[in-house]
């Protein structure tokens, strides 16, 4: 099959969410002097936050929680999990994180080289479950806009992956047929299952080599692998 349209996830697939979050949280750890609150390890704080954030995003993908709940919960739960009482949680921590993190520019290896190569062969698009302002900032600050014809953001559309409706909207916007379209993303539930249930082929971006379900056929560890696969 000769594909014509490639649809990419953004966070954890192109934009290295965990690395950018870690960089931001190290800065905020020192800014807020969290050591003085009794949090003696920035790495422990980051590890606890990462676990909480991943679970909350999984719930958000499935529509179990709202954006507001996600943002209100991820740091408050992290602080409480680490023994900080609610009255001592820094009130502006979430706002500072939201303002700083999207300005970070860590991408996965070979991102620009791969997208530049593929741009000459395919029409490319983004389907992101991220939030409008931060998604647009990430794309702008990293010079990614030149590669994509459309950026579909769930907060704008009002539907999250894996709902079939956001894939239908994306293909309609791109004037693409499902048989000539491919989804690339890191989330089995949101990206791979979402695309498969819509009838679209999908490639699992799996840089850490995690064990995947048997029916997830195509996997890549580096974005540059796409140049050989497609």
Protein backbone atom coordinates (compact mmCIF):
# COMPACT_ATOMS: atom_id res chain seq x y z
CA UNK A 1 0.00 0.00 0.00
CA UNK A 2 1.31 3.42 -0.96
CA UNK A 3 0.42 5.74 1.89
CA UNK A 4 -0.19 9.40 1.19
CA UNK A 5 -0.93 10.79 4.66
CA UNK A 6 0.97 10.38 7.90
CA UNK A 7 -0.64 11.38 11.19
CA UNK A 8 1.72 11.88 14.14
CA UNK A 9 1.15 12.11 17.85
CA UNK A 10 3.19 14.95 19.40
CA UNK A 11 4.00 14.35 23.08
CA UNK A 12 6.16 11.28 23.74
CA UNK A 13 6.49 10.73 19.98
CA UNK A 14 8.10 13.87 18.57
CA UNK A 15 8.38 16.19 21.57
CA UNK A 16 10.22 14.43 24.39
CA UNK A 17 7.69 15.09 27.14
CA UNK A 18 9.51 13.32 29.96
CA UNK A 19 12.86 14.92 29.23
CA UNK A 20 11.35 18.40 28.98
CA UNK A 21 9.31 17.87 32.13
CA UNK A 22 12.39 16.67 34.01
CA UNK A 23 14.35 19.73 32.94
CA UNK A 24 11.51 22.02 34.03
CA UNK A 25 11.03 20.29 37.37
CA UNK A 26 14.71 20.48 38.22
CA UNK A 27 14.46 24.24 37.73
CA UNK A 28 11.31 24.52 39.84
CA UNK A 29 12.78 22.29 42.56
CA UNK A 30 15.44 24.94 43.11
CA UNK A 31 13.18 27.93 42.49
CA UNK A 32 10.72 26.79 45.14
CA UNK A 33 13.45 25.45 47.45
CA UNK A 34 11.65 22.16 47.81
CA UNK A 35 14.60 20.84 49.79
CA UNK A 36 13.51 23.14 52.61
CA UNK A 37 10.05 21.54 52.54
CA UNK A 38 11.64 18.19 53.28
CA UNK A 39 11.90 16.95 49.69
CA UNK A 40 15.56 16.04 49.67
CA UNK A 41 15.67 14.47 46.21
CA UNK A 42 14.66 16.24 43.01
CA UNK A 43 14.81 12.90 41.22
CA UNK A 44 12.35 11.31 43.64
CA UNK A 45 9.98 14.22 43.14
CA UNK A 46 10.26 13.89 39.36
CA UNK A 47 9.78 10.11 39.45
CA UNK A 48 6.65 10.41 41.62
CA UNK A 49 5.25 13.19 39.44
CA UNK A 50 5.91 11.20 36.26
CA UNK A 51 3.98 8.19 37.57
CA UNK A 52 1.04 10.36 38.62
CA UNK A 53 1.05 12.39 35.42
CA UNK A 54 1.12 9.33 33.15
CA UNK A 55 -1.84 7.79 34.98
CA UNK A 56 -3.83 11.03 34.88
CA UNK A 57 -3.15 11.48 31.16
CA UNK A 58 -4.32 7.91 30.55
CA UNK A 59 -7.55 8.78 32.37
CA UNK A 60 -7.84 12.01 30.38
CA UNK A 61 -7.41 10.13 27.08
CA UNK A 62 -10.37 7.95 28.03
CA UNK A 63 -12.53 10.87 29.15
CA UNK A 64 -12.51 9.81 32.80
CA UNK A 65 -11.25 13.19 34.00
CA UNK A 66 -11.22 16.76 32.71
CA UNK A 67 -8.31 19.05 31.91
CA UNK A 68 -9.01 20.94 35.13
CA UNK A 69 -8.88 17.78 37.24
CA UNK A 70 -5.65 16.69 35.58
CA UNK A 71 -3.96 20.00 36.28
CA UNK A 72 -5.32 20.32 39.79
CA UNK A 73 -4.32 16.78 40.73
CA UNK A 74 -0.93 15.90 39.27
CA UNK A 75 1.22 18.09 41.52
CA UNK A 76 -1.03 18.12 44.57
CA UNK A 77 -1.02 14.32 44.58
CA UNK A 78 2.75 14.26 44.05
CA UNK A 79 3.41 16.54 47.00
CA UNK A 80 0.99 14.63 49.22
CA UNK A 81 2.45 11.26 48.16
CA UNK A 82 5.83 12.57 49.30
CA UNK A 83 4.52 13.59 52.70
CA UNK A 84 3.87 17.31 52.18
CA UNK A 85 0.67 18.55 53.80
CA UNK A 86 -1.78 20.37 51.49
CA UNK A 87 -1.30 23.77 53.18
CA UNK A 88 2.42 23.70 52.34
CA UNK A 89 2.01 22.92 48.64
CA UNK A 90 3.24 25.90 46.56
CA UNK A 91 0.15 27.42 44.95
CA UNK A 92 1.83 28.70 41.78
CA UNK A 93 3.78 25.53 41.08
CA UNK A 94 1.35 24.17 38.47
CA UNK A 95 1.06 27.54 36.69
CA UNK A 96 4.84 27.96 36.53
CA UNK A 97 5.23 24.43 35.20
CA UNK A 98 2.59 25.00 32.51
CA UNK A 99 4.28 28.25 31.44
CA UNK A 100 7.83 26.89 31.37
CA UNK A 101 7.60 23.31 30.14
CA UNK A 102 6.19 23.99 26.64
CA UNK A 103 9.12 26.33 25.96
CA UNK A 104 11.56 23.43 26.20
CA UNK A 105 13.01 22.11 22.97
CA UNK A 106 14.07 18.52 23.56
CA UNK A 107 12.86 16.36 20.69
CA UNK A 108 13.42 12.67 20.12
CA UNK A 109 16.57 11.83 18.12
CA UNK A 110 16.48 12.35 14.35
CA UNK A 111 13.18 14.27 14.48
CA UNK A 112 14.03 17.08 12.08
CA UNK A 113 16.01 14.85 9.73
CA UNK A 114 13.18 12.32 9.53
CA UNK A 115 10.35 14.80 9.15
CA UNK A 116 12.29 16.73 6.51
CA UNK A 117 12.80 13.52 4.53
CA UNK A 118 9.17 12.40 4.86
CA UNK A 119 7.81 15.85 3.99
CA UNK A 120 8.92 15.35 0.40
CA UNK A 121 6.96 12.10 0.13
CA UNK A 122 3.83 12.50 2.25
CA UNK A 123 1.27 14.95 3.49
CA UNK A 124 1.81 15.04 7.25
CA UNK A 125 -0.42 16.02 10.14
CA UNK A 126 -0.50 16.02 13.95
CA UNK A 127 -3.27 14.61 16.12
CA UNK A 128 -2.58 15.59 19.72
CA UNK A 129 -4.48 15.04 22.94
CA UNK A 130 -2.57 17.96 24.37
CA UNK A 131 -3.95 21.37 25.27
CA UNK A 132 -4.23 24.14 22.68
CA UNK A 133 -1.85 26.75 24.04
CA UNK A 134 0.93 24.38 25.05
CA UNK A 135 0.67 22.32 21.84
CA UNK A 136 0.94 25.40 19.65
CA UNK A 137 3.88 26.63 21.71
CA UNK A 138 5.74 23.33 21.37
CA UNK A 139 5.29 23.27 17.62
CA UNK A 140 6.32 26.92 17.21
CA UNK A 141 9.34 26.83 19.53
CA UNK A 142 10.73 23.72 17.87
CA UNK A 143 10.20 24.81 14.27
CA UNK A 144 7.88 21.89 13.60
CA UNK A 145 5.15 23.82 11.81
CA UNK A 146 6.91 23.61 8.45
CA UNK A 147 6.33 19.87 8.29
CA UNK A 148 2.62 19.60 9.01
CA UNK A 149 -0.37 20.57 6.90
CA UNK A 150 -2.79 20.28 9.82
CA UNK A 151 -2.48 20.24 13.60
CA UNK A 152 -5.54 18.68 15.20
CA UNK A 153 -5.76 19.34 18.95
CA UNK A 154 -8.27 17.43 21.03
CA UNK A 155 -9.06 20.40 23.26
CA UNK A 156 -10.10 22.40 20.18
CA UNK A 157 -12.05 19.57 18.58
CA UNK A 158 -13.66 18.54 21.85
CA UNK A 159 -12.81 14.86 21.36
CA UNK A 160 -9.80 12.86 22.55
CA UNK A 161 -8.00 9.95 20.96
CA UNK A 162 -8.89 7.05 20.95
CA UNK A 163 -12.42 8.20 20.01
CA UNK A 164 -13.06 7.40 16.35
CA UNK A 165 -14.56 10.85 15.86
CA UNK A 166 -11.22 12.66 16.18
CA UNK A 167 -9.67 10.42 13.52
CA UNK A 168 -12.68 11.00 11.28
CA UNK A 169 -12.31 14.76 11.81
CA UNK A 170 -8.57 14.63 11.08
CA UNK A 171 -9.00 12.69 7.85
CA UNK A 172 -11.80 14.97 6.72
CA UNK A 173 -9.64 18.02 7.37
CA UNK A 174 -6.74 16.45 5.45
CA UNK A 175 -9.01 15.25 2.63
CA UNK A 176 -7.54 11.80 3.20
CA UNK A 177 -8.90 8.27 2.89
CA UNK A 178 -8.36 5.80 5.70
CA UNK A 179 -6.76 3.25 3.37
CA UNK A 180 -3.99 5.70 2.44
CA UNK A 181 -3.35 6.97 5.96
CA UNK A 182 -1.00 5.87 8.74
CA UNK A 183 -0.90 6.86 12.45
CA UNK A 184 2.40 7.03 14.35
CA UNK A 185 2.31 7.32 18.13
CA UNK A 186 3.55 6.08 21.49
CA UNK A 187 0.25 5.28 23.20
CA UNK A 188 -1.16 1.80 22.64
CA UNK A 189 -4.59 2.92 23.86
CA UNK A 190 -4.88 6.40 22.33
CA UNK A 191 -2.83 6.15 19.14
CA UNK A 192 -2.61 2.51 18.11
CA UNK A 193 -5.97 1.19 19.28
CA UNK A 194 -7.64 4.44 18.33
CA UNK A 195 -6.38 4.20 14.77
CA UNK A 196 -7.00 0.46 14.47
CA UNK A 197 -10.58 0.77 15.67
CA UNK A 198 -11.10 3.43 13.01
CA UNK A 199 -9.69 1.11 10.36
CA UNK A 200 -6.37 2.93 10.01
CA UNK A 201 -2.95 1.30 10.04
CA UNK A 202 -0.65 2.37 12.87
CA UNK A 203 3.01 2.26 13.85
CA UNK A 204 3.90 2.02 17.52
CA UNK A 205 6.72 4.38 18.53
CA UNK A 206 8.49 2.38 21.22
CA UNK A 207 11.93 3.85 21.97
CA UNK A 208 12.26 1.99 25.28
CA UNK A 209 11.46 -1.39 23.76
CA UNK A 210 8.45 -2.03 25.99
CA UNK A 211 6.57 -5.28 25.60
CA UNK A 212 3.62 -4.72 23.30
CA UNK A 213 0.45 -6.73 22.67
CA UNK A 214 0.87 -9.38 19.99
CA UNK A 215 -1.52 -7.69 17.58
CA UNK A 216 0.52 -4.47 17.54
CA UNK A 217 2.41 -5.35 14.42
CA UNK A 218 4.63 -2.47 13.39
CA UNK A 219 7.04 -0.89 15.87
CA UNK A 220 9.93 1.55 15.65
CA UNK A 221 12.51 2.55 18.25
CA UNK A 222 13.70 5.69 16.48
CA UNK A 223 11.80 8.04 14.20
CA UNK A 224 14.46 7.54 11.55
CA UNK A 225 13.25 3.93 11.25
CA UNK A 226 10.27 5.38 9.38
CA UNK A 227 12.50 6.20 6.42
CA UNK A 228 13.09 2.47 5.90
CA UNK A 229 9.61 1.27 6.77
CA UNK A 230 7.57 3.72 4.69
